[in-house]
PDB file of N, CA and C in Angstrom:
ATOM      1  N   MET A   1      -3.348  14.428  11.491  1.00  0.00           N
ATOM      2  CA  MET A   1      -4.135  13.990  10.487  1.00  0.00           C
ATOM      3  C   MET A   1      -3.431  12.897   9.528  1.00  0.00           C
ATOM      4  N   THR A   2      -3.961  11.779   9.363  1.00  0.00           N
ATOM      5  CA  THR A   2      -3.331  10.848   8.630  1.00  0.00           C
ATOM      6  C   THR A   2      -3.662  10.802   6.958  1.00  0.00           C
ATOM      7  N   GLY A   3      -4.823  11.210   6.719  1.00  0.00           N
ATOM      8  CA  GLY A   3      -5.212  11.289   5.450  1.00  0.00           C
ATOM      9  C   GLY A   3      -6.248  10.009   5.223  1.00  0.00           C
ATOM     10  N   THR A   4      -6.342   9.078   6.002  1.00  0.00           N
ATOM     11  CA  THR A   4      -7.154   7.947   5.693  1.00  0.00           C
ATOM     12  C   THR A   4      -8.700   8.362   5.699  1.00  0.00           C
ATOM     13  N   THR A   5      -9.422   7.578   4.936  1.00  0.00           N
ATOM     14  CA  THR A   5     -10.870   7.806   4.821  1.00  0.00           C
ATOM     15  C   THR A   5     -11.498   6.613   5.243  1.00  0.00           C
ATOM     16  N   ARG A   6     -10.941   5.575   5.772  1.00  0.00           N
ATOM     17  CA  ARG A   6     -11.498   4.383   6.122  1.00  0.00           C
ATOM     18  C   ARG A   6     -11.245   4.217   7.626  1.00  0.00           C
ATOM     19  N   SER A   7     -12.393   3.827   8.435  1.00  0.00           N
ATOM     20  CA  SER A   7     -12.184   3.459   9.644  1.00  0.00           C
ATOM     21  C   SER A   7     -11.623   2.027   9.764  1.00  0.00           C
ATOM     22  N   SER A   8     -10.825   1.785  11.010  1.00  0.00           N
ATOM     23  CA  SER A   8     -10.476   0.425  11.118  1.00  0.00           C
ATOM     24  C   SER A   8     -11.383  -0.433  11.731  1.00  0.00           C
ATOM     25  N   ASP A   9     -12.619   0.069  12.280  1.00  0.00           N
ATOM     26  CA  ASP A   9     -13.752  -0.618  12.834  1.00  0.00           C
ATOM     27  C   ASP A   9     -14.028  -1.789  12.010  1.00  0.00           C
ATOM     28  N   GLY A  10     -14.118  -2.878  12.442  1.00  0.00           N
ATOM     29  CA  GLY A  10     -14.692  -4.060  11.827  1.00  0.00           C
ATOM     30  C   GLY A  10     -13.544  -4.826  11.178  1.00  0.00           C
ATOM     31  N   LEU A  11     -12.294  -4.559  11.296  1.00  0.00           N
ATOM     32  CA  LEU A  11     -11.057  -4.999  10.715  1.00  0.00           C
ATOM     33  C   LEU A  11     -10.409  -5.910  11.752  1.00  0.00           C
ATOM     34  N   ASP A  12      -9.924  -7.115  11.331  1.00  0.00           N
ATOM     35  CA  ASP A  12      -9.158  -7.991  12.285  1.00  0.00           C
ATOM     36  C   ASP A  12      -7.824  -7.118  12.528  1.00  0.00           C
ATOM     37  N   GLU A  13      -7.023  -7.660  13.505  1.00  0.00           N
ATOM     38  CA  GLU A  13      -5.799  -6.986  14.043  1.00  0.00           C
ATOM     39  C   GLU A  13      -4.814  -6.878  12.911  1.00  0.00           C
ATOM     40  N   ARG A  14      -4.562  -7.890  12.256  1.00  0.00           N
ATOM     41  CA  ARG A  14      -3.713  -7.936  11.042  1.00  0.00           C
ATOM     42  C   ARG A  14      -4.065  -6.739  10.056  1.00  0.00           C
ATOM     43  N   ARG A  15      -5.115  -6.597   9.777  1.00  0.00           N
ATOM     44  CA  ARG A  15      -5.512  -5.682   8.696  1.00  0.00           C
ATOM     45  C   ARG A  15      -5.467  -4.203   9.351  1.00  0.00           C
ATOM     46  N   LYS A  16      -5.832  -4.188  10.645  1.00  0.00           N
ATOM     47  CA  LYS A  16      -5.700  -2.821  11.242  1.00  0.00           C
ATOM     48  C   LYS A  16      -4.162  -2.272  11.278  1.00  0.00           C
ATOM     49  N   ARG A  17      -3.228  -3.295  11.680  1.00  0.00           N
ATOM     50  CA  ARG A  17      -1.911  -3.071  11.738  1.00  0.00           C
ATOM     51  C   ARG A  17      -1.355  -2.553  10.288  1.00  0.00           C
ATOM     52  N   LEU A  18      -1.830  -3.421   9.259  1.00  0.00           N
ATOM     53  CA  LEU A  18      -1.357  -2.977   7.987  1.00  0.00           C
ATOM     54  C   LEU A  18      -1.872  -1.484   7.505  1.00  0.00           C
ATOM     55  N   LEU A  19      -3.276  -1.320   7.758  1.00  0.00           N
ATOM     56  CA  LEU A  19      -3.836   0.072   7.368  1.00  0.00           C
ATOM     57  C   LEU A  19      -2.942   0.932   8.242  1.00  0.00           C
ATOM     58  N   PHE A  20      -2.734   0.900   9.352  1.00  0.00           N
ATOM     59  CA  PHE A  20      -1.767   1.933   9.997  1.00  0.00           C
ATOM     60  C   PHE A  20      -0.444   2.088   9.300  1.00  0.00           C
ATOM     61  N   ARG A  21       0.163   1.078   9.156  1.00  0.00           N
ATOM     62  CA  ARG A  21       1.529   1.030   8.374  1.00  0.00           C
ATOM     63  C   ARG A  21       1.585   1.462   7.067  1.00  0.00           C
ATOM     64  N   CYS A  22       0.382   1.309   6.379  1.00  0.00           N
ATOM     65  CA  CYS A  22       0.343   1.865   4.958  1.00  0.00           C
ATOM     66  C   CYS A  22       0.321   3.450   5.053  1.00  0.00           C
ATOM     67  N   TRP A  23      -0.266   4.003   6.065  1.00  0.00           N
ATOM     68  CA  TRP A  23      -0.593   5.565   6.265  1.00  0.00           C
ATOM     69  C   TRP A  23       0.730   6.092   6.891  1.00  0.00           C
ATOM     70  N   HIS A  24       1.582   5.423   7.457  1.00  0.00           N
ATOM     71  CA  HIS A  24       2.594   5.871   8.282  1.00  0.00           C
ATOM     72  C   HIS A  24       4.043   5.359   7.881  1.00  0.00           C
ATOM     73  N   ARG A  25       4.272   5.710   6.631  1.00  0.00           N
ATOM     74  CA  ARG A  25       5.533   5.158   6.049  1.00  0.00           C
ATOM     75  C   ARG A  25       6.870   5.867   6.376  1.00  0.00           C
ATOM     76  N   GLY A  26       6.670   6.963   6.512  1.00  0.00           N
ATOM     77  CA  GLY A  26       7.986   7.938   6.641  1.00  0.00           C
ATOM     78  C   GLY A  26       8.007   8.912   5.508  1.00  0.00           C
ATOM     79  N   THR A  27       7.460   8.768   4.409  1.00  0.00           N
ATOM     80  CA  THR A  27       7.413   9.865   3.367  1.00  0.00           C
ATOM     81  C   THR A  27       5.926   9.989   3.065  1.00  0.00           C
ATOM     82  N   ARG A  28       5.606  11.205   2.733  1.00  0.00           N
ATOM     83  CA  ARG A  28       4.331  11.462   2.497  1.00  0.00           C
ATOM     84  C   ARG A  28       3.748  10.947   1.228  1.00  0.00           C
ATOM     85  N   GLU A  29       4.685  10.899   0.191  1.00  0.00           N
ATOM     86  CA  GLU A  29       4.433  10.157  -1.064  1.00  0.00           C
ATOM     87  C   GLU A  29       3.978   8.788  -0.947  1.00  0.00           C
ATOM     88  N   MET A  30       4.730   7.991  -0.122  1.00  0.00           N
ATOM     89  CA  MET A  30       4.336   6.520  -0.027  1.00  0.00           C
ATOM     90  C   MET A  30       2.995   6.402   0.948  1.00  0.00           C
ATOM     91  N   ASP A  31       2.885   7.388   1.873  1.00  0.00           N
ATOM     92  CA  ASP A  31       1.721   7.425   2.649  1.00  0.00           C
ATOM     93  C   ASP A  31       0.564   7.337   1.797  1.00  0.00           C
ATOM     94  N   LEU A  32       0.540   8.452   0.746  1.00  0.00           N
ATOM     95  CA  LEU A  32      -0.558   8.567  -0.021  1.00  0.00           C
ATOM     96  C   LEU A  32      -0.897   7.415  -0.956  1.00  0.00           C
ATOM     97  N   ILE A  33       0.364   6.775  -1.522  1.00  0.00           N
ATOM     98  CA  ILE A  33       0.127   5.590  -2.350  1.00  0.00           C
ATOM     99  C   ILE A  33      -0.396   4.438  -1.695  1.00  0.00           C
ATOM    100  N   LEU A  34       0.428   3.968  -0.654  1.00  0.00           N
ATOM    101  CA  LEU A  34      -0.092   2.868   0.217  1.00  0.00           C
ATOM    102  C   LEU A  34      -1.280   3.084   0.783  1.00  0.00           C
ATOM    103  N   GLY A  35      -1.459   4.262   1.471  1.00  0.00           N
ATOM    104  CA  GLY A  35      -2.663   4.350   2.405  1.00  0.00           C
ATOM    105  C   GLY A  35      -3.807   4.544   1.484  1.00  0.00           C
ATOM    106  N   ARG A  36      -3.927   5.099   0.428  1.00  0.00           N
ATOM    107  CA  ARG A  36      -5.100   5.172  -0.358  1.00  0.00           C
ATOM    108  C   ARG A  36      -5.482   3.774  -0.897  1.00  0.00           C
ATOM    109  N   PHE A  37      -4.479   3.066  -1.350  1.00  0.00           N
ATOM    110  CA  PHE A  37      -4.702   1.645  -1.805  1.00  0.00           C
ATOM    111  C   PHE A  37      -5.284   0.870  -0.511  1.00  0.00           C
ATOM    112  N   ALA A  38      -4.619   1.005   0.603  1.00  0.00           N
ATOM    113  CA  ALA A  38      -5.094   0.190   1.841  1.00  0.00           C
ATOM    114  C   ALA A  38      -6.493   0.665   2.117  1.00  0.00           C
ATOM    115  N   ASP A  39      -6.872   1.880   2.007  1.00  0.00           N
ATOM    116  CA  ASP A  39      -8.269   2.329   2.377  1.00  0.00           C
ATOM    117  C   ASP A  39      -9.415   1.803   1.641  1.00  0.00           C
ATOM    118  N   ALA A  40      -9.026   1.510   0.240  1.00  0.00           N
ATOM    119  CA  ALA A  40      -9.904   0.967  -0.770  1.00  0.00           C
ATOM    120  C   ALA A  40      -9.917  -0.525  -0.519  1.00  0.00           C
ATOM    121  N   GLU A  41      -8.733  -1.200  -0.252  1.00  0.00           N
ATOM    122  CA  GLU A  41      -8.675  -2.627  -0.653  1.00  0.00           C
ATOM    123  C   GLU A  41      -8.499  -3.587   0.632  1.00  0.00           C
ATOM    124  N   ILE A  42      -8.102  -2.985   1.882  1.00  0.00           N
ATOM    125  CA  ILE A  42      -7.537  -3.798   2.875  1.00  0.00           C
ATOM    126  C   ILE A  42      -8.472  -4.893   3.363  1.00  0.00           C
ATOM    127  N   GLY A  43      -9.916  -4.511   3.261  1.00  0.00           N
ATOM    128  CA  GLY A  43     -10.964  -5.511   3.784  1.00  0.00           C
ATOM    129  C   GLY A  43     -11.113  -6.504   2.889  1.00  0.00           C
ATOM    130  N   ASN A  44     -10.837  -6.459   1.601  1.00  0.00           N
ATOM    131  CA  ASN A  44     -11.018  -7.525   0.619  1.00  0.00           C
ATOM    132  C   ASN A  44      -9.692  -8.329   0.312  1.00  0.00           C
ATOM    133  N   LEU A  45      -8.526  -7.971   0.848  1.00  0.00           N
ATOM    134  CA  LEU A  45      -7.379  -8.927   0.660  1.00  0.00           C
ATOM    135  C   LEU A  45      -7.274 -10.204   1.186  1.00  0.00           C
ATOM    136  N   SER A  46      -6.773 -11.159   0.440  1.00  0.00           N
ATOM    137  CA  SER A  46      -6.726 -12.440   0.953  1.00  0.00           C
ATOM    138  C   SER A  46      -5.603 -12.584   2.009  1.00  0.00           C
ATOM    139  N   ASP A  47      -5.376 -13.630   2.537  1.00  0.00           N
ATOM    140  CA  ASP A  47      -4.141 -13.857   3.348  1.00  0.00           C
ATOM    141  C   ASP A  47      -2.965 -13.733   2.817  1.00  0.00           C
ATOM    142  N   ALA A  48      -2.947 -14.485   1.600  1.00  0.00           N
ATOM    143  CA  ALA A  48      -1.639 -14.315   0.755  1.00  0.00           C
ATOM    144  C   ALA A  48      -1.268 -12.959   0.306  1.00  0.00           C
ATOM    145  N   GLU A  49      -2.446 -12.218  -0.019  1.00  0.00           N
ATOM    146  CA  GLU A  49      -2.325 -10.802  -0.389  1.00  0.00           C
ATOM    147  C   GLU A  49      -1.646  -9.908   0.774  1.00  0.00           C
ATOM    148  N   LEU A  50      -2.346 -10.244   2.014  1.00  0.00           N
ATOM    149  CA  LEU A  50      -1.741  -9.430   3.081  1.00  0.00           C
ATOM    150  C   LEU A  50      -0.409  -9.921   3.487  1.00  0.00           C
ATOM    151  N   THR A  51       0.146 -11.210   3.242  1.00  0.00           N
ATOM    152  CA  THR A  51       1.363 -11.486   3.444  1.00  0.00           C
ATOM    153  C   THR A  51       2.362 -10.760   2.270  1.00  0.00           C
ATOM    154  N   GLU A  52       1.994 -10.610   1.207  1.00  0.00           N
ATOM    155  CA  GLU A  52       2.566  -9.828  -0.020  1.00  0.00           C
ATOM    156  C   GLU A  52       2.780  -8.403   0.450  1.00  0.00           C
ATOM    157  N   LEU A  53       1.612  -7.816   0.972  1.00  0.00           N
ATOM    158  CA  LEU A  53       1.718  -6.365   1.427  1.00  0.00           C
ATOM    159  C   LEU A  53       2.682  -6.219   2.609  1.00  0.00           C
ATOM    160  N   GLU A  54       2.759  -7.257   3.553  1.00  0.00           N
ATOM    161  CA  GLU A  54       3.720  -7.126   4.685  1.00  0.00           C
ATOM    162  C   GLU A  54       5.113  -7.163   3.945  1.00  0.00           C
ATOM    163  N   ARG A  55       5.355  -7.956   3.117  1.00  0.00           N
ATOM    164  CA  ARG A  55       6.695  -7.928   2.516  1.00  0.00           C
ATOM    165  C   ARG A  55       7.094  -6.628   1.727  1.00  0.00           C
ATOM    166  N   LEU A  56       6.064  -6.077   1.124  1.00  0.00           N
ATOM    167  CA  LEU A  56       6.365  -4.868   0.493  1.00  0.00           C
ATOM    168  C   LEU A  56       6.661  -3.725   1.395  1.00  0.00           C
ATOM    169  N   LEU A  57       5.965  -3.703   2.519  1.00  0.00           N
ATOM    170  CA  LEU A  57       6.057  -2.563   3.511  1.00  0.00           C
ATOM    171  C   LEU A  57       7.469  -2.695   4.274  1.00  0.00           C
ATOM    172  N   GLU A  58       8.169  -3.876   4.048  1.00  0.00           N
ATOM    173  CA  GLU A  58       9.742  -4.011   4.515  1.00  0.00           C
ATOM    174  C   GLU A  58      10.734  -3.283   3.664  1.00  0.00           C
ATOM    175  N   VAL A  59      10.258  -3.072   2.253  1.00  0.00           N
ATOM    176  CA  VAL A  59      11.073  -2.372   1.407  1.00  0.00           C
ATOM    177  C   VAL A  59      11.195  -0.826   1.774  1.00  0.00           C
ATOM    178  N   ASN A  60      12.330  -0.199   1.800  1.00  0.00           N
ATOM    179  CA  ASN A  60      12.442   1.158   2.160  1.00  0.00           C
ATOM    180  C   ASN A  60      11.751   2.167   1.210  1.00  0.00           C
ATOM    181  N   ASP A  61      11.312   3.252   1.708  1.00  0.00           N
ATOM    182  CA  ASP A  61      10.631   4.116   0.965  1.00  0.00           C
ATOM    183  C   ASP A  61      11.107   4.608  -0.502  1.00  0.00           C
ATOM    184  N   PRO A  62      12.428   5.064  -0.469  1.00  0.00           N
ATOM    185  CA  PRO A  62      13.016   5.348  -1.720  1.00  0.00           C
ATOM    186  C   PRO A  62      13.056   4.288  -2.747  1.00  0.00           C
ATOM    187  N   ASP A  63      13.225   2.968  -2.352  1.00  0.00           N
ATOM    188  CA  ASP A  63      13.281   2.037  -3.298  1.00  0.00           C
ATOM    189  C   ASP A  63      11.833   1.582  -3.724  1.00  0.00           C
ATOM    190  N   LEU A  64      10.883   1.646  -2.883  1.00  0.00           N
ATOM    191  CA  LEU A  64       9.548   1.355  -3.090  1.00  0.00           C
ATOM    192  C   LEU A  64       8.969   2.411  -4.002  1.00  0.00           C
ATOM    193  N   TYR A  65       9.150   3.685  -3.824  1.00  0.00           N
ATOM    194  CA  TYR A  65       8.736   4.751  -4.519  1.00  0.00           C
ATOM    195  C   TYR A  65       9.257   4.797  -5.852  1.00  0.00           C
ATOM    196  N   ALA A  66      10.525   4.425  -6.059  1.00  0.00           N
ATOM    197  CA  ALA A  66      11.220   4.347  -7.450  1.00  0.00           C
ATOM    198  C   ALA A  66      10.717   3.111  -8.155  1.00  0.00           C
ATOM    199  N   ALA A  67      10.197   2.041  -7.564  1.00  0.00           N
ATOM    200  CA  ALA A  67       9.662   0.905  -8.163  1.00  0.00           C
ATOM    201  C   ALA A  67       8.117   1.198  -8.574  1.00  0.00           C
ATOM    202  N   VAL A  68       7.424   1.959  -7.806  1.00  0.00           N
ATOM    203  CA  VAL A  68       6.057   2.393  -8.191  1.00  0.00           C
ATOM    204  C   VAL A  68       6.099   3.254  -9.451  1.00  0.00           C
ATOM    205  N   THR A  69       7.081   4.315  -9.409  1.00  0.00           N
ATOM    206  CA  THR A  69       7.245   5.271 -10.695  1.00  0.00           C
ATOM    207  C   THR A  69       7.830   4.729 -11.900  1.00  0.00           C
ATOM    208  N   GLY A  70       8.444   3.386 -11.721  1.00  0.00           N
ATOM    209  CA  GLY A  70       9.016   2.841 -12.676  1.00  0.00           C
ATOM    210  C   GLY A  70      10.547   3.022 -13.030  1.00  0.00           C
ATOM    211  N   ASP A  71      11.060   3.740 -12.026  1.00  0.00           N
ATOM    212  CA  ASP A  71      12.432   4.064 -11.999  1.00  0.00           C
ATOM    213  C   ASP A  71      13.494   2.985 -11.593  1.00  0.00           C
ATOM    214  N   LYS A  72      12.906   1.787 -10.933  1.00  0.00           N
ATOM    215  CA  LYS A  72      13.648   0.695 -10.367  1.00  0.00           C
ATOM    216  C   LYS A  72      12.824  -0.466 -10.316  1.00  0.00           C
ATOM    217  N   VAL A  73      13.449  -1.712 -10.464  1.00  0.00           N
ATOM    218  CA  VAL A  73      12.793  -2.924 -10.367  1.00  0.00           C
ATOM    219  C   VAL A  73      12.926  -3.754  -9.145  1.00  0.00           C
ATOM    220  N   LEU A  74      12.027  -4.149  -8.427  1.00  0.00           N
ATOM    221  CA  LEU A  74      12.040  -4.753  -7.195  1.00  0.00           C
ATOM    222  C   LEU A  74      12.259  -6.216  -7.601  1.00  0.00           C
ATOM    223  N   PRO A  75      12.855  -7.006  -6.544  1.00  0.00           N
ATOM    224  CA  PRO A  75      13.046  -8.301  -6.629  1.00  0.00           C
ATOM    225  C   PRO A  75      11.716  -9.107  -6.902  1.00  0.00           C
ATOM    226  N   ALA A  76      11.688 -10.067  -7.646  1.00  0.00           N
ATOM    227  CA  ALA A  76      10.450 -10.901  -7.867  1.00  0.00           C
ATOM    228  C   ALA A  76       9.806 -11.337  -6.794  1.00  0.00           C
ATOM    229  N   GLU A  77      10.434 -11.768  -5.486  1.00  0.00           N
ATOM    230  CA  GLU A  77       9.692 -12.178  -4.425  1.00  0.00           C
ATOM    231  C   GLU A  77       8.921 -11.106  -3.703  1.00  0.00           C
ATOM    232  N   VAL A  78       9.062  -9.665  -4.100  1.00  0.00           N
ATOM    233  CA  VAL A  78       8.448  -8.753  -3.512  1.00  0.00           C
ATOM    234  C   VAL A  78       7.460  -8.036  -4.484  1.00  0.00           C
ATOM    235  N   ALA A  79       7.596  -8.120  -5.896  1.00  0.00           N
ATOM    236  CA  ALA A  79       7.081  -7.410  -6.761  1.00  0.00           C
ATOM    237  C   ALA A  79       6.083  -8.388  -7.513  1.00  0.00           C
ATOM    238  N   GLY A  80       5.068  -8.881  -6.599  1.00  0.00           N
ATOM    239  CA  GLY A  80       4.027  -9.782  -7.256  1.00  0.00           C
ATOM    240  C   GLY A  80       2.899  -9.146  -7.812  1.00  0.00           C
ATOM    241  N   ALA A  81       1.913  -9.819  -7.754  1.00  0.00           N
ATOM    242  CA  ALA A  81       0.501  -9.413  -8.355  1.00  0.00           C
ATOM    243  C   ALA A  81      -0.043  -7.994  -7.541  1.00  0.00           C
ATOM    244  N   LEU A  82       0.109  -8.352  -6.265  1.00  0.00           N
ATOM    245  CA  LEU A  82      -0.381  -7.157  -5.419  1.00  0.00           C
ATOM    246  C   LEU A  82       0.394  -5.877  -5.720  1.00  0.00           C
ATOM    247  N   PHE A  83       1.698  -5.974  -5.895  1.00  0.00           N
ATOM    248  CA  PHE A  83       2.406  -4.836  -6.197  1.00  0.00           C
ATOM    249  C   PHE A  83       2.024  -4.240  -7.565  1.00  0.00           C
ATOM    250  N   ALA A  84       1.514  -4.987  -8.546  1.00  0.00           N
ATOM    251  CA  ALA A  84       1.063  -4.325  -9.794  1.00  0.00           C
ATOM    252  C   ALA A  84      -0.097  -3.789  -9.666  1.00  0.00           C
ATOM    253  N   ARG A  85      -1.163  -4.292  -8.787  1.00  0.00           N
ATOM    254  CA  ARG A  85      -2.367  -3.744  -8.520  1.00  0.00           C
ATOM    255  C   ARG A  85      -2.080  -2.104  -7.755  1.00  0.00           C
ATOM    256  N   ILE A  86      -1.036  -2.101  -6.944  1.00  0.00           N
ATOM    257  CA  ILE A  86      -0.714  -0.950  -6.040  1.00  0.00           C
ATOM    258  C   ILE A  86      -0.351   0.081  -7.301  1.00  0.00           C
ATOM    259  N   LYS A  87       0.616  -0.431  -8.274  1.00  0.00           N
ATOM    260  CA  LYS A  87       0.927   0.434  -9.237  1.00  0.00           C
ATOM    261  C   LYS A  87      -0.054   1.147 -10.096  1.00  0.00           C
ATOM    262  N   ALA A  88      -1.052   0.230 -10.404  1.00  0.00           N
ATOM    263  CA  ALA A  88      -2.094   0.688 -11.372  1.00  0.00           C
ATOM    264  C   ALA A  88      -3.243   1.607 -10.606  1.00  0.00           C
ATOM    265  N   PHE A  89      -3.220   1.364  -9.097  1.00  0.00           N
ATOM    266  CA  PHE A  89      -4.352   2.043  -8.416  1.00  0.00           C
ATOM    267  C   PHE A  89      -4.216   3.456  -8.698  1.00  0.00           C
ATOM    268  N   PRO A  90      -5.310   4.200  -9.029  1.00  0.00           N
ATOM    269  CA  PRO A  90      -5.422   5.571  -9.086  1.00  0.00           C
ATOM    270  C   PRO A  90      -5.324   6.285  -7.675  1.00  0.00           C
ATOM    271  N   ILE A  91      -4.296   7.197  -7.618  1.00  0.00           N
ATOM    272  CA  ILE A  91      -3.965   7.754  -6.174  1.00  0.00           C
ATOM    273  C   ILE A  91      -4.659   8.979  -6.059  1.00  0.00           C
ATOM    274  N   ALA A  92      -4.979   9.579  -7.083  1.00  0.00           N
ATOM    275  CA  ALA A  92      -5.733  10.891  -7.027  1.00  0.00           C
ATOM    276  C   ALA A  92      -7.014  10.814  -7.746  1.00  0.00           C
ATOM    277  N   ASP A  93      -7.860  11.675  -7.360  1.00  0.00           N
ATOM    278  CA  ASP A  93      -9.072  11.936  -7.980  1.00  0.00           C
ATOM    279  C   ASP A  93      -8.818  12.699  -9.465  1.00  0.00           C
ATOM    280  N   ARG A  94      -9.346  12.110 -10.398  1.00  0.00           N
ATOM    281  CA  ARG A  94      -9.092  12.529 -11.738  1.00  0.00           C
ATOM    282  C   ARG A  94     -10.320  13.082 -12.159  1.00  0.00           C
ATOM    283  N   LYS A  95     -10.410  14.424 -12.596  1.00  0.00           N
ATOM    284  CA  LYS A  95     -11.532  14.917 -13.084  1.00  0.00           C
ATOM    285  C   LYS A  95     -11.300  15.408 -14.406  1.00  0.00           C
ATOM    286  N   ALA A  96     -12.186  15.208 -15.405  1.00  0.00           N
ATOM    287  CA  ALA A  96     -12.096  15.615 -16.783  1.00  0.00           C
ATOM    288  C   ALA A  96     -12.190  17.145 -16.909  1.00  0.00           C
TER     289      ALA A  96
END
């Protein structure tokens, strides 16, 4: 079980590949962060945002996780607007 809640039906090959890669990072923490973001947003990302996501997926999990949690700063060529959206994306259901 991957945890994904989104079917890849109707997605082009690039988006299907990225959705899969977001859910199969190597660490469960990054699967949940990137996978949930991809489930919600992959169908709406522009080509430029898809390219940015591809660059982010090249960053190793410990460094990417540290950047998401604020413990590390990624290089500017990797940490663009999409990365900021990922950091701000709610990764868990929050109930009052």
